[in-house]
Each structure stands twice: as structure tokens, then as C-alpha cells.
């Protein structure tokens, strides 16, 4: 029997990696061996966990070959949410990043950045 907490950890980890992999333009679909360098396990266990993600509706078997998988719309949304949550402290605009010495972010922090707000609209 699979430990429920272990299953959640694997789901989080794989969805984040698949989302990042896709976002970096490394490929829409992946095989277990593509993911092994990012995890401390073997391809057989990654395959087993990807099959579980199929059952949960996060990934589908890709039509590019056997043992290849891609995120579903649900997987993209959930992977993106989990990735954003995990890396929120690293992906926000840094203090002073807009390089405008008169910008509110210089004194109030990144949330007050006028350049960031203009791009968000």
C-alpha cells in the first residue's frame, strides 16, 4: 500500500517538474528517464508515479512514443499553482528591479512596484 503522504509528495514534485520542464521549452512530453536527473530515484519508480498521475487526471500518455507522458489541462493548472506556491519567494520582482529610483518599490517593496503593476494590467 502506498503511504498517502508519500503519494502527495510525489504528486507535488512531479507536477512541479513537469510544469517547469514544459515552461522552459524542454519538451511537451517526457519519459521517466528525462526526470531522473531531478529526482533521487530510478526510472521505474518515476514511471509508477506517472501512471498514478494518469489515474488522477494530471497527465496522459503522449502520442510521441511508448513511455512518454504530457500534462493535461488539469495538470498544467495544478502544476503551475504548486510551482508558484513553492517558488513564490524566488520568482517575485526583486527590490529595485525596475531601476526607477522614484518608484514606490524602492521604499515600500516589490508589491508597490509601478512597473510590475503596469505589466500586470
PDB file of N, CA and C in Angstrom:
ATOM      1  N   UNK A   1       0.830  -1.185   0.000  1.00  0.00           N
ATOM      2  CA  UNK A   1       0.000   0.000   0.000  1.00  0.00           C
ATOM      3  C   UNK A   1       0.874   1.249   0.000  1.00  0.00           C
ATOM      4  N   UNK A   2       0.484   2.240  -0.782  1.00  0.00           N
ATOM      5  CA  UNK A   2       1.238   3.485  -0.887  1.00  0.00           C
ATOM      6  C   UNK A   2       0.868   4.404   0.275  1.00  0.00           C
ATOM      7  N   UNK A   3       1.872   4.949   0.929  1.00  0.00           N
ATOM      8  CA  UNK A   3       1.662   5.910   2.003  1.00  0.00           C
ATOM      9  C   UNK A   3       1.029   7.171   1.409  1.00  0.00           C
ATOM     10  N   UNK A   4      -0.117   7.634   1.922  1.00  0.00           N
ATOM     11  CA  UNK A   4      -0.792   8.808   1.357  1.00  0.00           C
ATOM     12  C   UNK A   4       0.084  10.065   1.338  1.00  0.00           C
ATOM     13  N   UNK A   5       0.884  10.271   2.376  1.00  0.00           N
ATOM     14  CA  UNK A   5       1.766  11.443   2.392  1.00  0.00           C
ATOM     15  C   UNK A   5       2.857  11.331   1.336  1.00  0.00           C
ATOM     16  N   UNK A   6       3.352  10.127   1.133  1.00  0.00           N
ATOM     17  CA  UNK A   6       4.353   9.897   0.097  1.00  0.00           C
ATOM     18  C   UNK A   6       3.750  10.161  -1.285  1.00  0.00           C
ATOM     19  N   UNK A   7       2.509   9.737  -1.478  1.00  0.00           N
ATOM     20  CA  UNK A   7       1.827   9.969  -2.758  1.00  0.00           C
ATOM     21  C   UNK A   7       1.660  11.461  -3.022  1.00  0.00           C
ATOM     22  N   UNK A   8       1.314  12.225  -1.996  1.00  0.00           N
ATOM     23  CA  UNK A   8       1.164  13.682  -2.149  1.00  0.00           C
ATOM     24  C   UNK A   8       2.507  14.320  -2.475  1.00  0.00           C
ATOM     25  N   UNK A   9       3.544  13.886  -1.784  1.00  0.00           N
ATOM     26  CA  UNK A   9       4.888  14.439  -2.039  1.00  0.00           C
ATOM     27  C   UNK A   9       5.305  14.195  -3.483  1.00  0.00           C
ATOM     28  N   UNK A  10       5.084  12.960  -3.959  1.00  0.00           N
ATOM     29  CA  UNK A  10       5.440  12.633  -5.338  1.00  0.00           C
ATOM     30  C   UNK A  10       4.601  13.429  -6.332  1.00  0.00           C
ATOM     31  N   UNK A  11       3.303  13.573  -6.057  1.00  0.00           N
ATOM     32  CA  UNK A  11       2.432  14.344  -6.945  1.00  0.00           C
ATOM     33  C   UNK A  11       2.940  15.784  -7.040  1.00  0.00           C
ATOM     34  N   UNK A  12       3.214  16.390  -5.892  1.00  0.00           N
ATOM     35  CA  UNK A  12       3.731  17.763  -5.879  1.00  0.00           C
ATOM     36  C   UNK A  12       5.011  17.873  -6.692  1.00  0.00           C
ATOM     37  N   UNK A  13       5.938  16.990  -6.391  1.00  0.00           N
ATOM     38  CA  UNK A  13       7.259  17.045  -7.032  1.00  0.00           C
ATOM     39  C   UNK A  13       7.161  16.859  -8.546  1.00  0.00           C
ATOM     40  N   UNK A  14       6.434  15.843  -8.967  1.00  0.00           N
ATOM     41  CA  UNK A  14       6.336  15.568 -10.406  1.00  0.00           C
ATOM     42  C   UNK A  14       5.572  16.657 -11.149  1.00  0.00           C
ATOM     43  N   UNK A  15       4.479  17.148 -10.579  1.00  0.00           N
ATOM     44  CA  UNK A  15       3.734  18.210 -11.258  1.00  0.00           C
ATOM     45  C   UNK A  15       4.579  19.469 -11.400  1.00  0.00           C
ATOM     46  N   UNK A  16       5.339  19.807 -10.381  1.00  0.00           N
ATOM     47  CA  UNK A  16       6.208  20.981 -10.463  1.00  0.00           C
ATOM     48  C   UNK A  16       7.294  20.795 -11.526  1.00  0.00           C
ATOM     49  N   UNK A  17       7.917  19.632 -11.535  1.00  0.00           N
ATOM     50  CA  UNK A  17       8.978  19.379 -12.516  1.00  0.00           C
ATOM     51  C   UNK A  17       8.412  19.368 -13.929  1.00  0.00           C
ATOM     52  N   UNK A  18       7.280  18.702 -14.129  1.00  0.00           N
ATOM     53  CA  UNK A  18       6.668  18.661 -15.464  1.00  0.00           C
ATOM     54  C   UNK A  18       6.271  20.057 -15.930  1.00  0.00           C
ATOM     55  N   UNK A  19       5.733  20.853 -15.033  1.00  0.00           N
ATOM     56  CA  UNK A  19       5.348  22.223 -15.373  1.00  0.00           C
ATOM     57  C   UNK A  19       6.587  23.043 -15.736  1.00  0.00           C
ATOM     58  N   UNK A  20       7.634  22.949 -14.927  1.00  0.00           N
ATOM     59  CA  UNK A  20       8.875  23.672 -15.191  1.00  0.00           C
ATOM     60  C   UNK A  20       9.498  23.216 -16.508  1.00  0.00           C
ATOM     61  N   UNK A  21       9.572  21.919 -16.716  1.00  0.00           N
ATOM     62  CA  UNK A  21      10.170  21.326 -17.915  1.00  0.00           C
ATOM     63  C   UNK A  21       9.492  21.879 -19.167  1.00  0.00           C
ATOM     64  N   UNK A  22       8.163  21.886 -19.130  1.00  0.00           N
ATOM     65  CA  UNK A  22       7.360  22.403 -20.249  1.00  0.00           C
ATOM     66  C   UNK A  22       7.591  23.906 -20.417  1.00  0.00           C
ATOM     67  N   UNK A  23       7.567  24.639 -19.308  1.00  0.00           N
ATOM     68  CA  UNK A  23       7.740  26.089 -19.347  1.00  0.00           C
ATOM     69  C   UNK A  23       9.104  26.526 -19.849  1.00  0.00           C
ATOM     70  N   UNK A  24      10.114  25.726 -19.613  1.00  0.00           N
ATOM     71  CA  UNK A  24      11.466  26.048 -20.078  1.00  0.00           C
ATOM     72  C   UNK A  24      11.671  25.667 -21.542  1.00  0.00           C
ATOM     73  N   UNK A  25      10.648  25.094 -22.158  1.00  0.00           N
ATOM     74  CA  UNK A  25      10.756  24.707 -23.560  1.00  0.00           C
ATOM     75  C   UNK A  25      11.567  23.442 -23.780  1.00  0.00           C
ATOM     76  N   UNK A  26      11.710  22.629 -22.751  1.00  0.00           N
ATOM     77  CA  UNK A  26      12.482  21.394 -22.873  1.00  0.00           C
ATOM     78  C   UNK A  26      11.675  20.269 -23.501  1.00  0.00           C
ATOM     79  N   UNK A  27      10.377  20.461 -23.617  1.00  0.00           N
ATOM     80  CA  UNK A  27       9.526  19.473 -24.260  1.00  0.00           C
ATOM     81  C   UNK A  27       8.136  19.450 -23.662  1.00  0.00           C
ATOM     82  N   UNK A  28       7.180  19.136 -24.505  1.00  0.00           N
ATOM     83  CA  UNK A  28       5.794  18.998 -24.051  1.00  0.00           C
ATOM     84  C   UNK A  28       5.577  17.648 -23.379  1.00  0.00           C
ATOM     85  N   UNK A  29       6.341  16.655 -23.802  1.00  0.00           N
ATOM     86  CA  UNK A  29       6.190  15.331 -23.216  1.00  0.00           C
ATOM     87  C   UNK A  29       7.536  14.831 -22.707  1.00  0.00           C
ATOM     88  N   UNK A  30       7.462  13.959 -21.721  1.00  0.00           N
ATOM     89  CA  UNK A  30       8.672  13.445 -21.078  1.00  0.00           C
ATOM     90  C   UNK A  30       8.539  11.954 -20.820  1.00  0.00           C
ATOM     91  N   UNK A  31       9.677  11.328 -20.658  1.00  0.00           N
ATOM     92  CA  UNK A  31       9.735   9.944 -20.210  1.00  0.00           C
ATOM     93  C   UNK A  31      10.365   9.911 -18.830  1.00  0.00           C
ATOM     94  N   UNK A  32      10.220   8.828 -18.127  1.00  0.00           N
ATOM     95  CA  UNK A  32      10.802   8.730 -16.783  1.00  0.00           C
ATOM     96  C   UNK A  32      12.297   9.046 -16.740  1.00  0.00           C
ATOM     97  N   UNK A  33      13.045   8.615 -17.746  1.00  0.00           N
ATOM     98  CA  UNK A  33      14.494   8.872 -17.722  1.00  0.00           C
ATOM     99  C   UNK A  33      14.818  10.356 -17.870  1.00  0.00           C
ATOM    100  N   UNK A  34      13.898  11.139 -18.472  1.00  0.00           N
ATOM    101  CA  UNK A  34      14.102  12.589 -18.561  1.00  0.00           C
ATOM    102  C   UNK A  34      14.040  13.234 -17.177  1.00  0.00           C
ATOM    103  N   UNK A  35      13.275  12.628 -16.277  1.00  0.00           N
ATOM    104  CA  UNK A  35      13.026  13.217 -14.964  1.00  0.00           C
ATOM    105  C   UNK A  35      13.988  12.741 -13.885  1.00  0.00           C
ATOM    106  N   UNK A  36      14.640  11.606 -14.101  1.00  0.00           N
ATOM    107  CA  UNK A  36      15.541  11.035 -13.093  1.00  0.00           C
ATOM    108  C   UNK A  36      16.617  12.022 -12.629  1.00  0.00           C
ATOM    109  N   UNK A  37      17.225  12.833 -13.508  1.00  0.00           N
ATOM    110  CA  UNK A  37      18.254  13.758 -13.017  1.00  0.00           C
ATOM    111  C   UNK A  37      17.751  14.763 -11.972  1.00  0.00           C
ATOM    112  N   UNK A  38      16.444  14.991 -11.922  1.00  0.00           N
ATOM    113  CA  UNK A  38      15.882  15.958 -10.988  1.00  0.00           C
ATOM    114  C   UNK A  38      15.359  15.319  -9.702  1.00  0.00           C
ATOM    115  N   UNK A  39      15.394  14.005  -9.648  1.00  0.00           N
ATOM    116  CA  UNK A  39      14.849  13.266  -8.508  1.00  0.00           C
ATOM    117  C   UNK A  39      15.890  12.276  -8.004  1.00  0.00           C
ATOM    118  N   UNK A  40      15.818  11.923  -6.763  1.00  0.00           N
ATOM    119  CA  UNK A  40      16.771  10.931  -6.246  1.00  0.00           C
ATOM    120  C   UNK A  40      16.085   9.565  -6.190  1.00  0.00           C
ATOM    121  N   UNK A  41      15.835   9.024  -7.380  1.00  0.00           N
ATOM    122  CA  UNK A  41      15.206   7.716  -7.511  1.00  0.00           C
ATOM    123  C   UNK A  41      15.528   7.144  -8.884  1.00  0.00           C
ATOM    124  N   UNK A  42      14.919   6.019  -9.218  1.00  0.00           N
ATOM    125  CA  UNK A  42      15.170   5.398 -10.518  1.00  0.00           C
ATOM    126  C   UNK A  42      13.966   5.564 -11.441  1.00  0.00           C
ATOM    127  N   UNK A  43      14.178   5.276 -12.716  1.00  0.00           N
ATOM    128  CA  UNK A  43      13.154   5.465 -13.746  1.00  0.00           C
ATOM    129  C   UNK A  43      11.921   4.597 -13.505  1.00  0.00           C
ATOM    130  N   UNK A  44      12.093   3.411 -12.940  1.00  0.00           N
ATOM    131  CA  UNK A  44      10.947   2.525 -12.697  1.00  0.00           C
ATOM    132  C   UNK A  44       9.964   3.151 -11.708  1.00  0.00           C
ATOM    133  N   UNK A  45      10.479   3.760 -10.653  1.00  0.00           N
ATOM    134  CA  UNK A  45       9.595   4.406  -9.683  1.00  0.00           C
ATOM    135  C   UNK A  45       8.950   5.653 -10.281  1.00  0.00           C
ATOM    136  N   UNK A  46       9.692   6.411 -11.065  1.00  0.00           N
ATOM    137  CA  UNK A  46       9.116   7.589 -11.728  1.00  0.00           C
ATOM    138  C   UNK A  46       7.983   7.149 -12.649  1.00  0.00           C
ATOM    139  N   UNK A  47       8.203   6.074 -13.406  1.00  0.00           N
ATOM    140  CA  UNK A  47       7.153   5.542 -14.280  1.00  0.00           C
ATOM    141  C   UNK A  47       5.906   5.178 -13.472  1.00  0.00           C
ATOM    142  N   UNK A  48       6.108   4.496 -12.365  1.00  0.00           N
ATOM    143  CA  UNK A  48       4.993   4.092 -11.495  1.00  0.00           C
ATOM    144  C   UNK A  48       4.205   5.317 -11.015  1.00  0.00           C
ATOM    145  N   UNK A  49       4.909   6.363 -10.643  1.00  0.00           N
ATOM    146  CA  UNK A  49       4.253   7.589 -10.159  1.00  0.00           C
ATOM    147  C   UNK A  49       3.562   8.339 -11.297  1.00  0.00           C
ATOM    148  N   UNK A  50       4.120   8.296 -12.491  1.00  0.00           N
ATOM    149  CA  UNK A  50       3.456   8.920 -13.642  1.00  0.00           C
ATOM    150  C   UNK A  50       2.158   8.194 -13.984  1.00  0.00           C
ATOM    151  N   UNK A  51       2.160   6.877 -13.871  1.00  0.00           N
ATOM    152  CA  UNK A  51       0.932   6.103 -14.098  1.00  0.00           C
ATOM    153  C   UNK A  51      -0.134   6.515 -13.086  1.00  0.00           C
ATOM    154  N   UNK A  52       0.279   6.747 -11.850  1.00  0.00           N
ATOM    155  CA  UNK A  52      -0.666   7.218 -10.829  1.00  0.00           C
ATOM    156  C   UNK A  52      -1.234   8.586 -11.220  1.00  0.00           C
ATOM    157  N   UNK A  53      -0.406   9.458 -11.776  1.00  0.00           N
ATOM    158  CA  UNK A  53      -0.885  10.774 -12.214  1.00  0.00           C
ATOM    159  C   UNK A  53      -1.863  10.655 -13.380  1.00  0.00           C
ATOM    160  N   UNK A  54      -1.709   9.628 -14.212  1.00  0.00           N
ATOM    161  CA  UNK A  54      -2.694   9.367 -15.272  1.00  0.00           C
ATOM    162  C   UNK A  54      -4.037   9.042 -14.630  1.00  0.00           C
ATOM    163  N   UNK A  55      -4.016   8.162 -13.645  1.00  0.00           N
ATOM    164  CA  UNK A  55      -5.249   7.759 -12.963  1.00  0.00           C
ATOM    165  C   UNK A  55      -5.932   8.941 -12.285  1.00  0.00           C
ATOM    166  N   UNK A  56      -5.154   9.924 -11.857  1.00  0.00           N
ATOM    167  CA  UNK A  56      -5.698  11.103 -11.184  1.00  0.00           C
ATOM    168  C   UNK A  56      -6.065  12.218 -12.160  1.00  0.00           C
ATOM    169  N   UNK A  57      -5.766  12.026 -13.448  1.00  0.00           N
ATOM    170  CA  UNK A  57      -6.147  13.006 -14.460  1.00  0.00           C
ATOM    171  C   UNK A  57      -5.178  14.149 -14.676  1.00  0.00           C
ATOM    172  N   UNK A  58      -3.964  14.056 -14.135  1.00  0.00           N
ATOM    173  CA  UNK A  58      -2.978  15.124 -14.287  1.00  0.00           C
ATOM    174  C   UNK A  58      -2.112  14.976 -15.532  1.00  0.00           C
ATOM    175  N   UNK A  59      -1.899  13.760 -15.989  1.00  0.00           N
ATOM    176  CA  UNK A  59      -1.106  13.511 -17.197  1.00  0.00           C
ATOM    177  C   UNK A  59      -1.816  12.477 -18.064  1.00  0.00           C
ATOM    178  N   UNK A  60      -1.413  12.444 -19.321  1.00  0.00           N
ATOM    179  CA  UNK A  60      -1.891  11.427 -20.264  1.00  0.00           C
ATOM    180  C   UNK A  60      -0.676  10.833 -20.949  1.00  0.00           C
ATOM    181  N   UNK A  61      -0.861   9.647 -21.501  1.00  0.00           N
ATOM    182  CA  UNK A  61       0.194   9.048 -22.316  1.00  0.00           C
ATOM    183  C   UNK A  61       0.315   9.883 -23.586  1.00  0.00           C
ATOM    184  N   UNK A  62       1.525  10.278 -23.921  1.00  0.00           N
ATOM    185  CA  UNK A  62       1.751  11.092 -25.116  1.00  0.00           C
ATOM    186  C   UNK A  62       1.744  10.207 -26.350  1.00  0.00           C
ATOM    187  N   UNK A  63       1.380  10.793 -27.466  1.00  0.00           N
ATOM    188  CA  UNK A  63       1.327  10.032 -28.718  1.00  0.00           C
ATOM    189  C   UNK A  63       2.665  10.030 -29.450  1.00  0.00           C
ATOM    190  N   UNK A  64       3.721  10.475 -28.780  1.00  0.00           N
ATOM    191  CA  UNK A  64       5.040  10.547 -29.409  1.00  0.00           C
ATOM    192  C   UNK A  64       5.865   9.285 -29.215  1.00  0.00           C
ATOM    193  N   UNK A  65       5.340   8.343 -28.466  1.00  0.00           N
ATOM    194  CA  UNK A  65       6.057   7.091 -28.267  1.00  0.00           C
ATOM    195  C   UNK A  65       5.698   6.447 -26.949  1.00  0.00           C
ATOM    196  N   UNK A  66       6.019   5.173 -26.813  1.00  0.00           N
ATOM    197  CA  UNK A  66       5.703   4.475 -25.564  1.00  0.00           C
ATOM    198  C   UNK A  66       6.515   5.041 -24.397  1.00  0.00           C
ATOM    199  N   UNK A  67       5.890   5.090 -23.242  1.00  0.00           N
ATOM    200  CA  UNK A  67       6.585   5.575 -22.056  1.00  0.00           C
ATOM    201  C   UNK A  67       6.785   7.073 -22.022  1.00  0.00           C
ATOM    202  N   UNK A  68       6.011   7.812 -22.815  1.00  0.00           N
ATOM    203  CA  UNK A  68       6.097   9.278 -22.837  1.00  0.00           C
ATOM    204  C   UNK A  68       4.790   9.832 -22.278  1.00  0.00           C
ATOM    205  N   UNK A  69       4.880  10.923 -21.536  1.00  0.00           N
ATOM    206  CA  UNK A  69       3.727  11.496 -20.854  1.00  0.00           C
ATOM    207  C   UNK A  69       3.702  13.006 -21.048  1.00  0.00           C
ATOM    208  N   UNK A  70       2.477  13.563 -20.983  1.00  0.00           N
ATOM    209  CA  UNK A  70       2.339  15.021 -21.029  1.00  0.00           C
ATOM    210  C   UNK A  70       1.251  15.453 -20.069  1.00  0.00           C
ATOM    211  N   UNK A  71       1.350  16.687 -19.607  1.00  0.00           N
ATOM    212  CA  UNK A  71       0.360  17.235 -18.694  1.00  0.00           C
ATOM    213  C   UNK A  71      -0.973  17.448 -19.394  1.00  0.00           C
ATOM    214  N   UNK A  72      -2.061  17.204 -18.684  1.00  0.00           N
ATOM    215  CA  UNK A  72      -3.394  17.570 -19.155  1.00  0.00           C
ATOM    216  C   UNK A  72      -3.621  19.035 -18.781  1.00  0.00           C
ATOM    217  N   UNK A  73      -4.740  19.608 -19.200  1.00  0.00           N
ATOM    218  CA  UNK A  73      -5.064  20.975 -18.781  1.00  0.00           C
ATOM    219  C   UNK A  73      -5.118  21.061 -17.257  1.00  0.00           C
ATOM    220  N   UNK A  74      -5.703  20.045 -16.642  1.00  0.00           N
ATOM    221  CA  UNK A  74      -5.752  19.998 -15.179  1.00  0.00           C
ATOM    222  C   UNK A  74      -4.339  19.940 -14.596  1.00  0.00           C
ATOM    223  N   UNK A  75      -3.473  19.140 -15.205  1.00  0.00           N
ATOM    224  CA  UNK A  75      -2.097  19.025 -14.740  1.00  0.00           C
ATOM    225  C   UNK A  75      -1.321  20.317 -14.896  1.00  0.00           C
ATOM    226  N   UNK A  76      -1.563  21.031 -15.993  1.00  0.00           N
ATOM    227  CA  UNK A  76      -0.896  22.322 -16.208  1.00  0.00           C
ATOM    228  C   UNK A  76      -1.326  23.313 -15.136  1.00  0.00           C
ATOM    229  N   UNK A  77      -2.635  23.389 -14.887  1.00  0.00           N
ATOM    230  CA  UNK A  77      -3.144  24.322 -13.881  1.00  0.00           C
ATOM    231  C   UNK A  77      -2.617  23.978 -12.488  1.00  0.00           C
ATOM    232  N   UNK A  78      -2.685  22.720 -12.128  1.00  0.00           N
ATOM    233  CA  UNK A  78      -2.250  22.304 -10.793  1.00  0.00           C
ATOM    234  C   UNK A  78      -0.730  22.385 -10.658  1.00  0.00           C
ATOM    235  N   UNK A  79       0.000  21.992 -11.700  1.00  0.00           N
ATOM    236  CA  UNK A  79       1.455  22.108 -11.666  1.00  0.00           C
ATOM    237  C   UNK A  79       1.893  23.557 -11.552  1.00  0.00           C
ATOM    238  N   UNK A  80       1.220  24.438 -12.284  1.00  0.00           N
ATOM    239  CA  UNK A  80       1.536  25.864 -12.213  1.00  0.00           C
ATOM    240  C   UNK A  80       1.272  26.434 -10.833  1.00  0.00           C
ATOM    241  N   UNK A  81       0.150  26.041 -10.234  1.00  0.00           N
ATOM    242  CA  UNK A  81      -0.182  26.526  -8.896  1.00  0.00           C
ATOM    243  C   UNK A  81       0.846  26.049  -7.879  1.00  0.00           C
ATOM    244  N   UNK A  82       1.184  24.775  -7.951  1.00  0.00           N
ATOM    245  CA  UNK A  82       2.147  24.220  -6.998  1.00  0.00           C
ATOM    246  C   UNK A  82       3.540  24.815  -7.204  1.00  0.00           C
ATOM    247  N   UNK A  83       3.922  25.021  -8.461  1.00  0.00           N
ATOM    248  CA  UNK A  83       5.219  25.631  -8.760  1.00  0.00           C
ATOM    249  C   UNK A  83       5.255  27.055  -8.209  1.00  0.00           C
ATOM    250  N   UNK A  84       4.188  27.821  -8.464  1.00  0.00           N
ATOM    251  CA  UNK A  84       4.129  29.203  -7.972  1.00  0.00           C
ATOM    252  C   UNK A  84       4.187  29.245  -6.449  1.00  0.00           C
ATOM    253  N   UNK A  85       3.462  28.355  -5.788  1.00  0.00           N
ATOM    254  CA  UNK A  85       3.491  28.309  -4.323  1.00  0.00           C
ATOM    255  C   UNK A  85       4.890  27.980  -3.805  1.00  0.00           C
ATOM    256  N   UNK A  86       5.521  27.004  -4.411  1.00  0.00           N
ATOM    257  CA  UNK A  86       6.832  26.547  -3.952  1.00  0.00           C
ATOM    258  C   UNK A  86       7.920  27.604  -4.145  1.00  0.00           C
ATOM    259  N   UNK A  87       7.849  28.324  -5.255  1.00  0.00           N
ATOM    260  CA  UNK A  87       8.925  29.249  -5.599  1.00  0.00           C
ATOM    261  C   UNK A  87       8.521  30.713  -5.506  1.00  0.00           C
ATOM    262  N   UNK A  88       7.434  31.019  -4.809  1.00  0.00           N
ATOM    263  CA  UNK A  88       6.937  32.397  -4.713  1.00  0.00           C
ATOM    264  C   UNK A  88       8.009  33.360  -4.221  1.00  0.00           C
ATOM    265  N   UNK A  89       8.792  32.947  -3.269  1.00  0.00           N
ATOM    266  CA  UNK A  89       9.825  33.819  -2.735  1.00  0.00           C
ATOM    267  C   UNK A  89      10.976  34.071  -3.693  1.00  0.00           C
ATOM    268  N   UNK A  90      11.097  33.250  -4.718  1.00  0.00           N
ATOM    269  CA  UNK A  90      12.211  33.386  -5.660  1.00  0.00           C
ATOM    270  C   UNK A  90      11.807  33.985  -6.999  1.00  0.00           C
ATOM    271  N   UNK A  91      10.505  33.978  -7.300  1.00  0.00           N
ATOM    272  CA  UNK A  91      10.071  34.407  -8.629  1.00  0.00           C
ATOM    273  C   UNK A  91       9.444  35.787  -8.656  1.00  0.00           C
ATOM    274  N   UNK A  92       9.239  36.412  -7.508  1.00  0.00           N
ATOM    275  CA  UNK A  92       8.672  37.757  -7.479  1.00  0.00           C
ATOM    276  C   UNK A  92       9.704  38.773  -7.936  1.00  0.00           C
ATOM    277  N   UNK A  93       9.219  39.958  -8.248  1.00  0.00           N
ATOM    278  CA  UNK A  93      10.128  41.017  -8.670  1.00  0.00           C
ATOM    279  C   UNK A  93      10.971  41.447  -7.482  1.00  0.00           C
ATOM    280  N   UNK A  94      12.235  41.572  -7.700  1.00  0.00           N
ATOM    281  CA  UNK A  94      13.150  41.944  -6.631  1.00  0.00           C
ATOM    282  C   UNK A  94      13.099  43.442  -6.367  1.00  0.00           C
ATOM    283  N   UNK A  95      13.440  43.823  -5.166  1.00  0.00           N
ATOM    284  CA  UNK A  95      13.504  45.232  -4.792  1.00  0.00           C
ATOM    285  C   UNK A  95      14.459  45.961  -5.727  1.00  0.00           C
ATOM    286  N   UNK A  96      13.987  47.021  -6.331  1.00  0.00           N
ATOM    287  CA  UNK A  96      14.823  47.806  -7.226  1.00  0.00           C
ATOM    288  C   UNK A  96      14.970  47.242  -8.616  1.00  0.00           C
ATOM    289  N   UNK A  97      14.305  46.153  -8.941  1.00  0.00           N
ATOM    290  CA  UNK A  97      14.476  45.531 -10.243  1.00  0.00           C
ATOM    291  C   UNK A  97      14.033  46.442 -11.378  1.00  0.00           C
ATOM    292  N   UNK A  98      13.059  47.324 -11.116  1.00  0.00           N
ATOM    293  CA  UNK A  98      12.564  48.180 -12.193  1.00  0.00           C
ATOM    294  C   UNK A  98      13.570  49.288 -12.532  1.00  0.00           C
ATOM    295  N   UNK A  99      14.548  49.528 -11.684  1.00  0.00           N
ATOM    296  CA  UNK A  99      15.611  50.517 -11.901  1.00  0.00           C
ATOM    297  C   UNK A  99      15.129  51.959 -11.932  1.00  0.00           C
ATOM    298  N   UNK A 100      13.900  52.209 -11.487  1.00  0.00           N
ATOM    299  CA  UNK A 100      13.393  53.571 -11.397  1.00  0.00           C
ATOM    300  C   UNK A 100      13.616  54.051  -9.969  1.00  0.00           C
ATOM    301  N   UNK A 101      14.514  55.009  -9.776  1.00  0.00           N
ATOM    302  CA  UNK A 101      14.808  55.449  -8.412  1.00  0.00           C
ATOM    303  C   UNK A 101      13.622  56.130  -7.728  1.00  0.00           C
ATOM    304  N   UNK A 102      12.630  56.564  -8.506  1.00  0.00           N
ATOM    305  CA  UNK A 102      11.460  57.230  -7.933  1.00  0.00           C
ATOM    306  C   UNK A 102      10.280  56.284  -7.722  1.00  0.00           C
ATOM    307  N   UNK A 103      10.446  55.014  -8.057  1.00  0.00           N
ATOM    308  CA  UNK A 103       9.361  54.040  -7.928  1.00  0.00           C
ATOM    309  C   UNK A 103       9.101  53.727  -6.453  1.00  0.00           C
ATOM    310  N   UNK A 104       7.849  53.483  -6.143  1.00  0.00           N
ATOM    311  CA  UNK A 104       7.459  53.147  -4.769  1.00  0.00           C
ATOM    312  C   UNK A 104       8.148  51.889  -4.253  1.00  0.00           C
ATOM    313  N   UNK A 105       8.566  51.006  -5.156  1.00  0.00           N
ATOM    314  CA  UNK A 105       9.191  49.760  -4.700  1.00  0.00           C
ATOM    315  C   UNK A 105      10.520  50.017  -3.992  1.00  0.00           C
ATOM    316  N   UNK A 106      11.115  51.168  -4.243  1.00  0.00           N
ATOM    317  CA  UNK A 106      12.389  51.480  -3.598  1.00  0.00           C
ATOM    318  C   UNK A 106      12.231  51.636  -2.088  1.00  0.00           C
ATOM    319  N   UNK A 107      11.044  52.064  -1.654  1.00  0.00           N
ATOM    320  CA  UNK A 107      10.816  52.249  -0.222  1.00  0.00           C
ATOM    321  C   UNK A 107       9.771  51.301   0.357  1.00  0.00           C
ATOM    322  N   UNK A 108       8.806  50.875  -0.476  1.00  0.00           N
ATOM    323  CA  UNK A 108       7.700  50.056   0.020  1.00  0.00           C
ATOM    324  C   UNK A 108       7.825  48.578  -0.323  1.00  0.00           C
ATOM    325  N   UNK A 109       8.791  48.219  -1.154  1.00  0.00           N
ATOM    326  CA  UNK A 109       8.984  46.816  -1.506  1.00  0.00           C
ATOM    327  C   UNK A 109       8.353  46.434  -2.827  1.00  0.00           C
ATOM    328  N   UNK A 110       8.568  45.197  -3.273  1.00  0.00           N
ATOM    329  CA  UNK A 110       8.155  44.733  -4.595  1.00  0.00           C
ATOM    330  C   UNK A 110       6.664  44.855  -4.887  1.00  0.00           C
ATOM    331  N   UNK A 111       5.813  44.698  -3.888  1.00  0.00           N
ATOM    332  CA  UNK A 111       4.365  44.759  -4.131  1.00  0.00           C
ATOM    333  C   UNK A 111       3.923  46.138  -4.606  1.00  0.00           C
ATOM    334  N   UNK A 112       4.703  47.171  -4.306  1.00  0.00           N
ATOM    335  CA  UNK A 112       4.341  48.534  -4.691  1.00  0.00           C
ATOM    336  C   UNK A 112       4.978  48.970  -6.006  1.00  0.00           C
ATOM    337  N   UNK A 113       5.651  48.080  -6.698  1.00  0.00           N
ATOM    338  CA  UNK A 113       6.373  48.442  -7.917  1.00  0.00           C
ATOM    339  C   UNK A 113       5.417  48.873  -9.023  1.00  0.00           C
ATOM    340  N   UNK A 114       5.573  50.098  -9.481  1.00  0.00           N
ATOM    341  CA  UNK A 114       4.713  50.633 -10.538  1.00  0.00           C
ATOM    342  C   UNK A 114       4.957  49.927 -11.869  1.00  0.00           C
ATOM    343  N   UNK A 115       6.187  49.571 -12.166  1.00  0.00           N
ATOM    344  CA  UNK A 115       6.492  48.867 -13.418  1.00  0.00           C
ATOM    345  C   UNK A 115       5.836  47.495 -13.410  1.00  0.00           C
ATOM    346  N   UNK A 116       5.892  46.813 -12.283  1.00  0.00           N
ATOM    347  CA  UNK A 116       5.274  45.488 -12.172  1.00  0.00           C
ATOM    348  C   UNK A 116       3.763  45.593 -12.336  1.00  0.00           C
ATOM    349  N   UNK A 117       3.153  46.590 -11.720  1.00  0.00           N
ATOM    350  CA  UNK A 117       1.704  46.778 -11.824  1.00  0.00           C
ATOM    351  C   UNK A 117       1.297  47.085 -13.256  1.00  0.00           C
ATOM    352  N   UNK A 118       2.097  47.858 -13.978  1.00  0.00           N
ATOM    353  CA  UNK A 118       1.781  48.189 -15.372  1.00  0.00           C
ATOM    354  C   UNK A 118       1.811  46.942 -16.245  1.00  0.00           C
ATOM    355  N   UNK A 119       2.739  46.033 -15.987  1.00  0.00           N
ATOM    356  CA  UNK A 119       2.837  44.794 -16.775  1.00  0.00           C
ATOM    357  C   UNK A 119       1.709  43.827 -16.448  1.00  0.00           C
ATOM    358  N   UNK A 120       1.181  43.915 -15.238  1.00  0.00           N
ATOM    359  CA  UNK A 120       0.119  43.002 -14.810  1.00  0.00           C
ATOM    360  C   UNK A 120      -1.229  43.358 -15.431  1.00  0.00           C
ATOM    361  N   UNK A 121      -1.375  44.584 -15.910  1.00  0.00           N
ATOM    362  CA  UNK A 121      -2.663  45.033 -16.476  1.00  0.00           C
ATOM    363  C   UNK A 121      -2.890  44.507 -17.844  1.00  0.00           C
TER     364      UNK A 121
END
